[in-house]
Structure formats: structure tokens, C-alpha cells
Protein backbone atom coordinates (compact mmCIF):
# COMPACT_ATOMS: atom_id res chain seq x y z
CA ARG A 1 34.48 11.47 -68.73
CA PHE A 2 35.94 8.40 -70.45
CA VAL A 3 36.65 8.28 -74.15
CA PRO A 4 38.16 5.03 -75.47
CA LYS A 5 41.86 5.13 -76.39
CA ARG A 6 42.45 8.66 -75.13
CA MET A 7 42.11 10.69 -71.98
CA VAL A 8 40.30 14.02 -72.09
CA PRO A 9 39.99 16.66 -69.38
CA PHE A 10 36.66 16.89 -67.64
CA SER A 11 34.74 20.15 -67.46
CA PHE A 12 31.71 21.49 -65.70
CA PRO A 13 28.58 22.57 -67.61
CA LEU A 14 28.12 26.25 -68.38
CA SER A 15 26.00 28.21 -65.95
CA LYS A 16 24.91 31.82 -65.47
CA CYS A 17 26.39 32.07 -61.99
CA ALA A 18 29.77 30.61 -61.00
CA LEU A 19 30.99 30.14 -57.45
CA TRP A 20 34.64 30.20 -58.52
CA ASP A 21 36.88 31.70 -61.17
CA PRO A 22 36.94 29.20 -64.08
CA VAL A 23 40.32 30.41 -65.42
CA PRO A 24 42.96 27.63 -65.03
CA MET A 25 45.73 28.38 -62.53
CA GLY A 26 49.03 26.60 -62.05
CA ASP A 27 50.59 23.63 -63.79
CA VAL A 28 48.66 20.68 -65.19
CA ILE A 29 48.85 17.57 -62.99
CA GLY A 30 47.91 13.99 -63.74
CA ALA A 31 44.90 12.56 -61.93
CA HIS A 32 45.32 8.93 -62.95
CA VAL A 33 45.30 6.39 -60.12
CA THR A 34 48.76 5.05 -61.07
CA TYR A 35 50.36 8.49 -61.30
CA TYR A 36 51.18 8.66 -57.58
CA ARG A 37 50.57 5.08 -56.43
CA ASN A 38 51.93 1.62 -57.20
CA PRO A 39 48.96 -0.60 -58.09
CA LYS A 40 48.71 -4.27 -57.07
CA LEU A 41 46.08 -6.78 -58.14
CA SER A 42 45.02 -9.62 -55.88
CA LEU A 43 42.65 -12.26 -57.26
CA VAL A 44 41.09 -14.99 -55.12
CA GLU A 45 41.63 -18.42 -56.71
CA LYS A 46 38.02 -19.50 -56.13
CA THR A 47 36.79 -16.46 -58.07
CA LEU A 48 39.12 -17.20 -60.97
CA ARG A 49 38.00 -20.84 -61.08
CA LEU A 50 34.31 -19.82 -61.12
CA ALA A 51 34.90 -17.39 -63.98
CA TYR A 52 36.89 -20.01 -65.92
CA ARG A 53 34.20 -22.66 -65.43
CA HIS A 54 31.49 -20.23 -66.52
CA ALA A 55 33.48 -19.28 -69.65
CA LYS A 56 33.97 -22.94 -70.61
CA GLN A 57 30.27 -23.75 -70.13
CA ASN A 58 29.08 -20.71 -72.05
CA GLU A 59 27.97 -21.44 -75.62
CA ASN A 60 28.89 -17.99 -76.94
CA LYS A 61 32.49 -17.10 -77.61
CA LEU A 62 31.89 -13.66 -76.14
CA PHE A 63 30.00 -13.12 -72.91
CA SER A 64 29.83 -10.48 -70.23
CA CYS A 65 30.30 -10.90 -66.51
CA PHE A 66 31.35 -8.91 -63.46
CA LEU A 67 34.39 -9.30 -61.25
CA LEU A 68 33.76 -7.49 -57.97
CA GLY A 69 36.19 -6.50 -55.28
CA THR A 70 37.60 -3.78 -53.07
CA LEU A 71 40.14 -1.03 -53.60
CA ALA A 72 42.34 -0.09 -50.64
CA VAL A 73 45.31 2.18 -50.03
CA ASP A 74 48.29 0.32 -48.54
CA GLU A 75 49.34 1.07 -44.96
CA ASP A 76 52.46 2.92 -46.07
CA GLY A 77 50.38 5.12 -48.38
CA GLU A 78 52.61 4.32 -51.35
CA GLY A 79 50.40 1.82 -53.17
CA ILE A 80 46.88 0.66 -53.80
CA THR A 81 45.59 -2.90 -53.85
CA LEU A 82 42.63 -4.08 -55.88
CA THR A 83 41.34 -7.33 -54.38
CA ILE A 84 38.92 -9.21 -56.63
CA ASP A 85 36.98 -11.73 -54.56
CA ARG A 86 33.57 -12.16 -56.20
CA PHE A 87 32.28 -13.32 -59.57
CA ASP A 88 28.88 -12.43 -60.99
CA PRO A 89 27.94 -14.01 -64.33
CA GLY A 90 25.33 -11.31 -64.94
CA ARG A 91 22.16 -11.82 -66.92
CA ASP A 92 21.75 -12.98 -70.50
CA ILE A 93 18.91 -10.50 -71.10
């Protein structure tokens, strides 16, 4: 669950029958993607140019769009790479 400007623990809904003991055990650990991995961002130049051109041609100061890509774990297992290679201007409606 995402709450802006703060992280909150997720929980499962209450039920009459549980398949496991819901009492917390052990130490709290972080589950954020950058906690154990070194993130890298790779952006294809063509995608950046398309987004820039769309932003300059747009009449509104604020607009929404999508940058799409892939997330991969590096070969050494120490990092992750987010490669953004597609631009989708979305719909105005």
C-alpha cells in the first residue's frame, strides 16, 4: 500500500480462518528495492527526445504521459537496472 510521503506496513484483511500465525516474529527488515540493490537508470535518447518534443508541443503546462521500460537484476546480483525505452503520450480524455 502506498501513502504519499511516508511508508506504511502492509497487512492482510481480517478473516475467520487463518492459515498461519499472524503474530510478528523476528526483526523488522526493509523491503524497499534499493535496500539490498544498487539501482541504475538507463534512458534511450530517442525516448527522451520524443517526450521533450511532446512537452514542448503541448499547450498545457502540466500533462501526463507514460515512460515504459524493463527492470532487470544485474548479472552479479548486486544491482538492478531500469531501462526506459518507450514513450506513450497517453490520452487527453
